[in-house]
Amino acid sequence: RIIRLHRRIKKLSAFELLGVAPDADKGAIRRAFAIASKELHPDRYFGKNLGSFKPKLAAIFARLTEAVQEIEDGQKGKR
């Protein structure tokens, strides 16, 4: 999953990356981020030899964080 996601990360919209609908509320966005974080946060694999996966995980998590911020900023503009 990490390799597939890393290959597509630049093509996915913030909503696609988090797996939420464009009209999702703040709670749904936060839940989606929490679920993704549990699996994809680099610290989850602390002490394990990740090899080439470590930079991929870091890039994916950085993009997840940006996606949440992007969505929340967009929602602030609609208010």
PDB file of N, CA and C in Angstrom:
ATOM      1  N   ARG A   1       0.827  -1.192   0.000  1.00  0.00           N
ATOM      2  CA  ARG A   1       0.000   0.000   0.000  1.00  0.00           C
ATOM      3  C   ARG A   1       0.871   1.255   0.000  1.00  0.00           C
ATOM      4  N   ILE A   2       1.950   1.225   0.736  1.00  0.00           N
ATOM      5  CA  ILE A   2       2.825   2.390   0.827  1.00  0.00           C
ATOM      6  C   ILE A   2       3.414   2.722  -0.540  1.00  0.00           C
ATOM      7  N   ILE A   3       3.872   1.734  -1.251  1.00  0.00           N
ATOM      8  CA  ILE A   3       4.469   1.974  -2.567  1.00  0.00           C
ATOM      9  C   ILE A   3       3.426   2.518  -3.532  1.00  0.00           C
ATOM     10  N   ARG A   4       2.248   1.902  -3.563  1.00  0.00           N
ATOM     11  CA  ARG A   4       1.189   2.373  -4.475  1.00  0.00           C
ATOM     12  C   ARG A   4       0.790   3.802  -4.154  1.00  0.00           C
ATOM     13  N   LEU A   5       0.630   4.092  -2.885  1.00  0.00           N
ATOM     14  CA  LEU A   5       0.229   5.432  -2.466  1.00  0.00           C
ATOM     15  C   LEU A   5       1.311   6.450  -2.793  1.00  0.00           C
ATOM     16  N   HIS A   6       2.552   6.097  -2.563  1.00  0.00           N
ATOM     17  CA  HIS A   6       3.661   7.009  -2.850  1.00  0.00           C
ATOM     18  C   HIS A   6       3.732   7.331  -4.340  1.00  0.00           C
ATOM     19  N   ARG A   7       3.472   6.343  -5.182  1.00  0.00           N
ATOM     20  CA  ARG A   7       3.498   6.570  -6.641  1.00  0.00           C
ATOM     21  C   ARG A   7       2.399   7.526  -7.091  1.00  0.00           C
ATOM     22  N   ARG A   8       1.255   7.491  -6.434  1.00  0.00           N
ATOM     23  CA  ARG A   8       0.091   8.284  -6.857  1.00  0.00           C
ATOM     24  C   ARG A   8      -0.103   9.568  -6.063  1.00  0.00           C
ATOM     25  N   ILE A   9       0.735   9.834  -5.096  1.00  0.00           N
ATOM     26  CA  ILE A   9       0.487  10.908  -4.137  1.00  0.00           C
ATOM     27  C   ILE A   9       0.313  12.282  -4.786  1.00  0.00           C
ATOM     28  N   LYS A  10       1.051  12.552  -5.837  1.00  0.00           N
ATOM     29  CA  LYS A  10       0.958  13.865  -6.482  1.00  0.00           C
ATOM     30  C   LYS A  10      -0.286  13.991  -7.355  1.00  0.00           C
ATOM     31  N   LYS A  11      -0.862  12.876  -7.747  1.00  0.00           N
ATOM     32  CA  LYS A  11      -2.044  12.887  -8.609  1.00  0.00           C
ATOM     33  C   LYS A  11      -3.348  12.950  -7.810  1.00  0.00           C
ATOM     34  N   LEU A  12      -3.304  12.570  -6.547  1.00  0.00           N
ATOM     35  CA  LEU A  12      -4.513  12.513  -5.724  1.00  0.00           C
ATOM     36  C   LEU A  12      -4.862  13.884  -5.160  1.00  0.00           C
ATOM     37  N   SER A  13      -6.135  14.180  -5.150  1.00  0.00           N
ATOM     38  CA  SER A  13      -6.579  15.409  -4.494  1.00  0.00           C
ATOM     39  C   SER A  13      -6.541  15.177  -2.987  1.00  0.00           C
ATOM     40  N   ALA A  14      -6.674  16.243  -2.239  1.00  0.00           N
ATOM     41  CA  ALA A  14      -6.670  16.131  -0.777  1.00  0.00           C
ATOM     42  C   ALA A  14      -7.803  15.215  -0.310  1.00  0.00           C
ATOM     43  N   PHE A  15      -8.954  15.326  -0.937  1.00  0.00           N
ATOM     44  CA  PHE A  15     -10.106  14.505  -0.556  1.00  0.00           C
ATOM     45  C   PHE A  15      -9.872  13.031  -0.894  1.00  0.00           C
ATOM     46  N   GLU A  16      -9.307  12.769  -2.063  1.00  0.00           N
ATOM     47  CA  GLU A  16      -9.028  11.390  -2.463  1.00  0.00           C
ATOM     48  C   GLU A  16      -7.986  10.761  -1.543  1.00  0.00           C
ATOM     49  N   LEU A  17      -6.984  11.540  -1.181  1.00  0.00           N
ATOM     50  CA  LEU A  17      -5.934  11.033  -0.315  1.00  0.00           C
ATOM     51  C   LEU A  17      -6.484  10.617   1.053  1.00  0.00           C
ATOM     52  N   LEU A  18      -7.371  11.423   1.576  1.00  0.00           N
ATOM     53  CA  LEU A  18      -7.966  11.106   2.877  1.00  0.00           C
ATOM     54  C   LEU A  18      -9.144  10.148   2.772  1.00  0.00           C
ATOM     55  N   GLY A  19      -9.675   9.970   1.569  1.00  0.00           N
ATOM     56  CA  GLY A  19     -10.805   9.067   1.381  1.00  0.00           C
ATOM     57  C   GLY A  19     -12.110   9.628   1.894  1.00  0.00           C
ATOM     58  N   VAL A  20     -12.295  10.951   1.750  1.00  0.00           N
ATOM     59  CA  VAL A  20     -13.533  11.599   2.183  1.00  0.00           C
ATOM     60  C   VAL A  20     -14.165  12.323   0.998  1.00  0.00           C
ATOM     61  N   ALA A  21     -15.456  12.546   1.109  1.00  0.00           N
ATOM     62  CA  ALA A  21     -16.190  13.273   0.068  1.00  0.00           C
ATOM     63  C   ALA A  21     -15.875  14.766   0.169  1.00  0.00           C
ATOM     64  N   PRO A  22     -15.955  15.482  -0.945  1.00  0.00           N
ATOM     65  CA  PRO A  22     -15.703  16.925  -0.922  1.00  0.00           C
ATOM     66  C   PRO A  22     -16.614  17.707   0.014  1.00  0.00           C
ATOM     67  N   ASP A  23     -17.763  17.158   0.337  1.00  0.00           N
ATOM     68  CA  ASP A  23     -18.671  17.857   1.247  1.00  0.00           C
ATOM     69  C   ASP A  23     -18.589  17.327   2.688  1.00  0.00           C
ATOM     70  N   ALA A  24     -17.509  16.609   2.997  1.00  0.00           N
ATOM     71  CA  ALA A  24     -17.339  16.033   4.333  1.00  0.00           C
ATOM     72  C   ALA A  24     -17.197  17.127   5.382  1.00  0.00           C
ATOM     73  N   ASP A  25     -17.728  16.850   6.566  1.00  0.00           N
ATOM     74  CA  ASP A  25     -17.604  17.827   7.645  1.00  0.00           C
ATOM     75  C   ASP A  25     -16.238  17.681   8.328  1.00  0.00           C
ATOM     76  N   LYS A  26     -15.949  18.619   9.203  1.00  0.00           N
ATOM     77  CA  LYS A  26     -14.649  18.668   9.864  1.00  0.00           C
ATOM     78  C   LYS A  26     -14.378  17.395  10.663  1.00  0.00           C
ATOM     79  N   GLY A  27     -15.399  16.852  11.305  1.00  0.00           N
ATOM     80  CA  GLY A  27     -15.236  15.630  12.090  1.00  0.00           C
ATOM     81  C   GLY A  27     -14.834  14.439  11.233  1.00  0.00           C
ATOM     82  N   ALA A  28     -15.457  14.313  10.078  1.00  0.00           N
ATOM     83  CA  ALA A  28     -15.135  13.202   9.174  1.00  0.00           C
ATOM     84  C   ALA A  28     -13.709  13.331   8.642  1.00  0.00           C
ATOM     85  N   ILE A  29     -13.301  14.546   8.387  1.00  0.00           N
ATOM     86  CA  ILE A  29     -11.944  14.785   7.892  1.00  0.00           C
ATOM     87  C   ILE A  29     -10.930  14.430   8.968  1.00  0.00           C
ATOM     88  N   ARG A  30     -11.195  14.845  10.186  1.00  0.00           N
ATOM     89  CA  ARG A  30     -10.298  14.540  11.312  1.00  0.00           C
ATOM     90  C   ARG A  30     -10.224  13.031  11.564  1.00  0.00           C
ATOM     91  N   ARG A  31     -11.368  12.342  11.481  1.00  0.00           N
ATOM     92  CA  ARG A  31     -11.377  10.888  11.681  1.00  0.00           C
ATOM     93  C   ARG A  31     -10.567  10.189  10.597  1.00  0.00           C
ATOM     94  N   ALA A  32     -10.740  10.615   9.352  1.00  0.00           N
ATOM     95  CA  ALA A  32     -10.003  10.019   8.241  1.00  0.00           C
ATOM     96  C   ALA A  32      -8.500  10.226   8.426  1.00  0.00           C
ATOM     97  N   PHE A  33      -8.120  11.414   8.879  1.00  0.00           N
ATOM     98  CA  PHE A  33      -6.708  11.696   9.121  1.00  0.00           C
ATOM     99  C   PHE A  33      -6.176  10.822  10.260  1.00  0.00           C
ATOM    100  N   ALA A  34      -6.946  10.667  11.317  1.00  0.00           N
ATOM    101  CA  ALA A  34      -6.517   9.847  12.455  1.00  0.00           C
ATOM    102  C   ALA A  34      -6.301   8.395  12.038  1.00  0.00           C
ATOM    103  N   ILE A  35      -7.207   7.885  11.239  1.00  0.00           N
ATOM    104  CA  ILE A  35      -7.080   6.501  10.765  1.00  0.00           C
ATOM    105  C   ILE A  35      -5.845   6.337   9.893  1.00  0.00           C
ATOM    106  N   ALA A  36      -5.645   7.266   8.968  1.00  0.00           N
ATOM    107  CA  ALA A  36      -4.478   7.207   8.087  1.00  0.00           C
ATOM    108  C   ALA A  36      -3.189   7.372   8.885  1.00  0.00           C
ATOM    109  N   SER A  37      -3.207   8.236   9.880  1.00  0.00           N
ATOM    110  CA  SER A  37      -2.019   8.473  10.703  1.00  0.00           C
ATOM    111  C   SER A  37      -1.593   7.226  11.452  1.00  0.00           C
ATOM    112  N   LYS A  38      -2.566   6.479  11.944  1.00  0.00           N
ATOM    113  CA  LYS A  38      -2.238   5.262  12.691  1.00  0.00           C
ATOM    114  C   LYS A  38      -1.462   4.275  11.834  1.00  0.00           C
ATOM    115  N   GLU A  39      -1.741   4.255  10.556  1.00  0.00           N
ATOM    116  CA  GLU A  39      -1.061   3.320   9.671  1.00  0.00           C
ATOM    117  C   GLU A  39       0.187   3.909   9.035  1.00  0.00           C
ATOM    118  N   LEU A  40       0.157   5.200   8.724  1.00  0.00           N
ATOM    119  CA  LEU A  40       1.205   5.765   7.885  1.00  0.00           C
ATOM    120  C   LEU A  40       2.172   6.723   8.575  1.00  0.00           C
ATOM    121  N   HIS A  41       2.015   6.971   9.859  1.00  0.00           N
ATOM    122  CA  HIS A  41       2.942   7.871  10.548  1.00  0.00           C
ATOM    123  C   HIS A  41       4.293   7.164  10.697  1.00  0.00           C
ATOM    124  N   PRO A  42       5.373   7.829  10.323  1.00  0.00           N
ATOM    125  CA  PRO A  42       6.704   7.190  10.414  1.00  0.00           C
ATOM    126  C   PRO A  42       7.074   6.721  11.819  1.00  0.00           C
ATOM    127  N   ASP A  43       6.601   7.399  12.856  1.00  0.00           N
ATOM    128  CA  ASP A  43       6.933   6.997  14.225  1.00  0.00           C
ATOM    129  C   ASP A  43       6.296   5.667  14.624  1.00  0.00           C
ATOM    130  N   ARG A  44       5.299   5.252  13.898  1.00  0.00           N
ATOM    131  CA  ARG A  44       4.663   3.956  14.186  1.00  0.00           C
ATOM    132  C   ARG A  44       5.677   2.816  14.033  1.00  0.00           C
ATOM    133  N   TYR A  45       6.640   3.034  13.166  1.00  0.00           N
ATOM    134  CA  TYR A  45       7.628   2.002  12.864  1.00  0.00           C
ATOM    135  C   TYR A  45       8.967   2.281  13.540  1.00  0.00           C
ATOM    136  N   PHE A  46       8.925   3.042  14.658  1.00  0.00           N
ATOM    137  CA  PHE A  46      10.140   3.397  15.385  1.00  0.00           C
ATOM    138  C   PHE A  46      10.908   2.139  15.769  1.00  0.00           C
ATOM    139  N   GLY A  47      12.192   2.172  15.522  1.00  0.00           N
ATOM    140  CA  GLY A  47      13.050   1.060  15.897  1.00  0.00           C
ATOM    141  C   GLY A  47      13.101  -0.064  14.883  1.00  0.00           C
ATOM    142  N   LYS A  48      12.331   0.060  13.830  1.00  0.00           N
ATOM    143  CA  LYS A  48      12.341  -0.975  12.798  1.00  0.00           C
ATOM    144  C   LYS A  48      13.149  -0.472  11.608  1.00  0.00           C
ATOM    145  N   ASN A  49      13.825  -1.367  10.968  1.00  0.00           N
ATOM    146  CA  ASN A  49      14.614  -1.000   9.797  1.00  0.00           C
ATOM    147  C   ASN A  49      13.677  -0.892   8.601  1.00  0.00           C
ATOM    148  N   LEU A  50      13.375   0.325   8.200  1.00  0.00           N
ATOM    149  CA  LEU A  50      12.433   0.542   7.106  1.00  0.00           C
ATOM    150  C   LEU A  50      13.100   0.647   5.746  1.00  0.00           C
ATOM    151  N   GLY A  51      14.398   0.843   5.739  1.00  0.00           N
ATOM    152  CA  GLY A  51      15.115   0.948   4.476  1.00  0.00           C
ATOM    153  C   GLY A  51      14.555   2.062   3.606  1.00  0.00           C
ATOM    154  N   SER A  52      14.209   1.724   2.379  1.00  0.00           N
ATOM    155  CA  SER A  52      13.721   2.727   1.420  1.00  0.00           C
ATOM    156  C   SER A  52      12.292   3.182   1.719  1.00  0.00           C
ATOM    157  N   PHE A  53      11.623   2.517   2.652  1.00  0.00           N
ATOM    158  CA  PHE A  53      10.254   2.911   2.981  1.00  0.00           C
ATOM    159  C   PHE A  53      10.192   4.149   3.865  1.00  0.00           C
ATOM    160  N   LYS A  54      11.256   4.432   4.605  1.00  0.00           N
ATOM    161  CA  LYS A  54      11.234   5.559   5.531  1.00  0.00           C
ATOM    162  C   LYS A  54      10.973   6.893   4.809  1.00  0.00           C
ATOM    163  N   PRO A  55      11.702   7.233   3.742  1.00  0.00           N
ATOM    164  CA  PRO A  55      11.398   8.500   3.062  1.00  0.00           C
ATOM    165  C   PRO A  55      10.022   8.494   2.393  1.00  0.00           C
ATOM    166  N   LYS A  56       9.569   7.338   1.959  1.00  0.00           N
ATOM    167  CA  LYS A  56       8.238   7.244   1.352  1.00  0.00           C
ATOM    168  C   LYS A  56       7.159   7.532   2.392  1.00  0.00           C
ATOM    169  N   LEU A  57       7.301   6.936   3.567  1.00  0.00           N
ATOM    170  CA  LEU A  57       6.352   7.179   4.657  1.00  0.00           C
ATOM    171  C   LEU A  57       6.365   8.644   5.074  1.00  0.00           C
ATOM    172  N   ALA A  58       7.544   9.225   5.160  1.00  0.00           N
ATOM    173  CA  ALA A  58       7.654  10.635   5.545  1.00  0.00           C
ATOM    174  C   ALA A  58       6.960  11.530   4.512  1.00  0.00           C
ATOM    175  N   ALA A  59       7.139  11.228   3.234  1.00  0.00           N
ATOM    176  CA  ALA A  59       6.506  12.026   2.181  1.00  0.00           C
ATOM    177  C   ALA A  59       4.992  11.865   2.209  1.00  0.00           C
ATOM    178  N   ILE A  60       4.519  10.655   2.417  1.00  0.00           N
ATOM    179  CA  ILE A  60       3.079  10.405   2.477  1.00  0.00           C
ATOM    180  C   ILE A  60       2.469  11.130   3.669  1.00  0.00           C
ATOM    181  N   PHE A  61       3.110  11.036   4.825  1.00  0.00           N
ATOM    182  CA  PHE A  61       2.559  11.685   6.012  1.00  0.00           C
ATOM    183  C   PHE A  61       2.571  13.205   5.865  1.00  0.00           C
ATOM    184  N   ALA A  62       3.614  13.733   5.271  1.00  0.00           N
ATOM    185  CA  ALA A  62       3.667  15.184   5.039  1.00  0.00           C
ATOM    186  C   ALA A  62       2.520  15.612   4.132  1.00  0.00           C
ATOM    187  N   ARG A  63       2.249  14.827   3.099  1.00  0.00           N
ATOM    188  CA  ARG A  63       1.152  15.154   2.179  1.00  0.00           C
ATOM    189  C   ARG A  63      -0.201  15.012   2.878  1.00  0.00           C
ATOM    190  N   LEU A  64      -0.354  14.022   3.743  1.00  0.00           N
ATOM    191  CA  LEU A  64      -1.596  13.877   4.506  1.00  0.00           C
ATOM    192  C   LEU A  64      -1.850  15.119   5.359  1.00  0.00           C
ATOM    193  N   THR A  65      -0.810  15.580   6.012  1.00  0.00           N
ATOM    194  CA  THR A  65      -0.923  16.772   6.852  1.00  0.00           C
ATOM    195  C   THR A  65      -1.298  17.987   6.010  1.00  0.00           C
ATOM    196  N   GLU A  66      -0.653  18.128   4.853  1.00  0.00           N
ATOM    197  CA  GLU A  66      -0.968  19.230   3.940  1.00  0.00           C
ATOM    198  C   GLU A  66      -2.410  19.130   3.447  1.00  0.00           C
ATOM    199  N   ALA A  67      -2.866  17.914   3.187  1.00  0.00           N
ATOM    200  CA  ALA A  67      -4.224  17.711   2.680  1.00  0.00           C
ATOM    201  C   ALA A  67      -5.260  18.176   3.698  1.00  0.00           C
ATOM    202  N   VAL A  68      -5.061  17.834   4.954  1.00  0.00           N
ATOM    203  CA  VAL A  68      -5.995  18.262   5.998  1.00  0.00           C
ATOM    204  C   VAL A  68      -6.003  19.782   6.083  1.00  0.00           C
ATOM    205  N   GLN A  69      -4.826  20.384   6.075  1.00  0.00           N
ATOM    206  CA  GLN A  69      -4.726  21.843   6.159  1.00  0.00           C
ATOM    207  C   GLN A  69      -5.386  22.504   4.945  1.00  0.00           C
ATOM    208  N   GLU A  70      -5.161  21.937   3.788  1.00  0.00           N
ATOM    209  CA  GLU A  70      -5.744  22.457   2.545  1.00  0.00           C
ATOM    210  C   GLU A  70      -7.274  22.429   2.599  1.00  0.00           C
ATOM    211  N   ILE A  71      -7.825  21.324   3.056  1.00  0.00           N
ATOM    212  CA  ILE A  71      -9.279  21.189   3.157  1.00  0.00           C
ATOM    213  C   ILE A  71      -9.838  22.157   4.190  1.00  0.00           C
ATOM    214  N   GLU A  72      -9.199  22.222   5.349  1.00  0.00           N
ATOM    215  CA  GLU A  72      -9.689  23.117   6.398  1.00  0.00           C
ATOM    216  C   GLU A  72      -9.599  24.580   5.979  1.00  0.00           C
ATOM    217  N   ASP A  73      -8.540  24.947   5.291  1.00  0.00           N
ATOM    218  CA  ASP A  73      -8.411  26.319   4.799  1.00  0.00           C
ATOM    219  C   ASP A  73      -9.494  26.629   3.767  1.00  0.00           C
ATOM    220  N   GLY A  74      -9.795  25.655   2.929  1.00  0.00           N
ATOM    221  CA  GLY A  74     -10.856  25.825   1.929  1.00  0.00           C
ATOM    222  C   GLY A  74     -12.216  25.974   2.565  1.00  0.00           C
ATOM    223  N   GLN A  75     -12.463  25.251   3.653  1.00  0.00           N
ATOM    224  CA  GLN A  75     -13.732  25.339   4.354  1.00  0.00           C
ATOM    225  C   GLN A  75     -13.870  26.672   5.080  1.00  0.00           C
ATOM    226  N   LYS A  76     -12.772  27.221   5.552  1.00  0.00           N
ATOM    227  CA  LYS A  76     -12.812  28.519   6.222  1.00  0.00           C
ATOM    228  C   LYS A  76     -13.227  29.611   5.224  1.00  0.00           C
ATOM    229  N   GLY A  77     -12.758  29.453   3.973  1.00  0.00           N
ATOM    230  CA  GLY A  77     -13.076  30.435   2.946  1.00  0.00           C
ATOM    231  C   GLY A  77     -14.544  30.416   2.542  1.00  0.00           C
ATOM    232  N   LYS A  78     -15.201  29.280   2.731  1.00  0.00           N
ATOM    233  CA  LYS A  78     -16.615  29.150   2.347  1.00  0.00           C
ATOM    234  C   LYS A  78     -17.549  29.732   3.389  1.00  0.00           C
ATOM    235  N   ARG A  79     -17.060  29.971   4.585  1.00  0.00           N
ATOM    236  CA  ARG A  79     -17.923  30.466   5.666  1.00  0.00           C
ATOM    237  C   ARG A  79     -18.254  31.917   5.495  1.00  0.00           C
TER     238      ARG A  79
END
